[in-house]
Amino acid sequence: MEASGRAHLHWVRLGPAQDDQREALSGLEAGQVVISPPPAGLRDGMPVEVK
């Protein structure tokens, strides 16, 4: 999700799993919010709200 309040698809490269966590190696910038898992029907550009 971006500051515009809209979802935007980003390809993210993940590192190996350590316990239940994974490091994002590329594809994200500081401050970006990740929607995981994405809800069914969520599409690029759709409005979203953080709760």
C-alpha atoms as a PDB file:
ATOM      1  CA  MET A   1       0.000   0.000   0.000  1.00  0.00           C
ATOM      2  CA  GLU A   2       1.245   3.496  -0.732  1.00  0.00           C
ATOM      3  CA  ALA A   3       0.560   6.885   0.851  1.00  0.00           C
ATOM      4  CA  SER A   4      -2.141   7.429  -1.787  1.00  0.00           C
ATOM      5  CA  GLY A   5      -4.307   4.868   0.027  1.00  0.00           C
ATOM      6  CA  ARG A   6      -4.266   2.536  -2.955  1.00  0.00           C
ATOM      7  CA  ALA A   7      -2.835  -0.951  -3.325  1.00  0.00           C
ATOM      8  CA  HIS A   8       0.044  -1.338  -5.775  1.00  0.00           C
ATOM      9  CA  LEU A   9       1.547  -4.609  -6.917  1.00  0.00           C
ATOM     10  CA  HIS A  10       5.293  -4.909  -6.267  1.00  0.00           C
ATOM     11  CA  TRP A  11       7.498  -7.876  -7.071  1.00  0.00           C
ATOM     12  CA  VAL A  12       9.509  -8.683  -3.948  1.00  0.00           C
ATOM     13  CA  ARG A  13      12.565 -10.931  -3.699  1.00  0.00           C
ATOM     14  CA  LEU A  14      12.634 -12.804  -0.383  1.00  0.00           C
ATOM     15  CA  GLY A  15      15.565 -14.348   1.437  1.00  0.00           C
ATOM     16  CA  PRO A  16      15.533 -17.784   3.053  1.00  0.00           C
ATOM     17  CA  ALA A  17      13.022 -18.511   5.821  1.00  0.00           C
ATOM     18  CA  GLN A  18      14.270 -18.204   9.399  1.00  0.00           C
ATOM     19  CA  ASP A  19      11.704 -19.515  11.869  1.00  0.00           C
ATOM     20  CA  ASP A  20       8.472 -17.810  10.703  1.00  0.00           C
ATOM     21  CA  GLN A  21      10.149 -14.737   9.168  1.00  0.00           C
ATOM     22  CA  ARG A  22      11.653 -13.820   5.807  1.00  0.00           C
ATOM     23  CA  GLU A  23      13.758 -10.840   4.804  1.00  0.00           C
ATOM     24  CA  ALA A  24      12.744  -8.747   1.788  1.00  0.00           C
ATOM     25  CA  LEU A  25      15.965  -8.522  -0.262  1.00  0.00           C
ATOM     26  CA  SER A  26      14.554  -6.200  -2.920  1.00  0.00           C
ATOM     27  CA  GLY A  27      11.305  -4.693  -4.145  1.00  0.00           C
ATOM     28  CA  LEU A  28      10.318  -2.726  -1.033  1.00  0.00           C
ATOM     29  CA  GLU A  29      11.300   0.667   0.327  1.00  0.00           C
ATOM     30  CA  ALA A  30      11.328   1.812   3.936  1.00  0.00           C
ATOM     31  CA  GLY A  31       7.864   2.751   5.157  1.00  0.00           C
ATOM     32  CA  GLN A  32       5.893   0.735   2.623  1.00  0.00           C
ATOM     33  CA  VAL A  33       3.085  -1.376   4.084  1.00  0.00           C
ATOM     34  CA  VAL A  34       2.705  -4.996   3.003  1.00  0.00           C
ATOM     35  CA  ILE A  35      -0.729  -6.600   2.698  1.00  0.00           C
ATOM     36  CA  SER A  36      -0.125 -10.271   3.432  1.00  0.00           C
ATOM     37  CA  PRO A  37      -1.935 -12.386   2.683  1.00  0.00           C
ATOM     38  CA  PRO A  38      -3.849 -10.254   0.195  1.00  0.00           C
ATOM     39  CA  PRO A  39      -7.611 -10.651   0.414  1.00  0.00           C
ATOM     40  CA  ALA A  40      -9.395 -12.329  -2.477  1.00  0.00           C
ATOM     41  CA  GLY A  41     -10.365  -9.789  -5.101  1.00  0.00           C
ATOM     42  CA  LEU A  42      -7.698  -7.196  -4.219  1.00  0.00           C
ATOM     43  CA  ARG A  43      -6.372  -5.656  -7.430  1.00  0.00           C
ATOM     44  CA  ASP A  44      -3.677  -3.127  -8.300  1.00  0.00           C
ATOM     45  CA  GLY A  45      -4.904   0.420  -7.759  1.00  0.00           C
ATOM     46  CA  MET A  46      -7.842  -0.469  -5.516  1.00  0.00           C
ATOM     47  CA  PRO A  47      -8.410   1.803  -2.489  1.00  0.00           C
ATOM     48  CA  VAL A  48      -7.269   0.325   0.838  1.00  0.00           C
ATOM     49  CA  GLU A  49      -7.312   1.484   4.454  1.00  0.00           C
ATOM     50  CA  VAL A  50      -4.934   0.546   7.280  1.00  0.00           C
ATOM     51  CA  LYS A  51      -6.746  -0.392  10.493  1.00  0.00           C
END
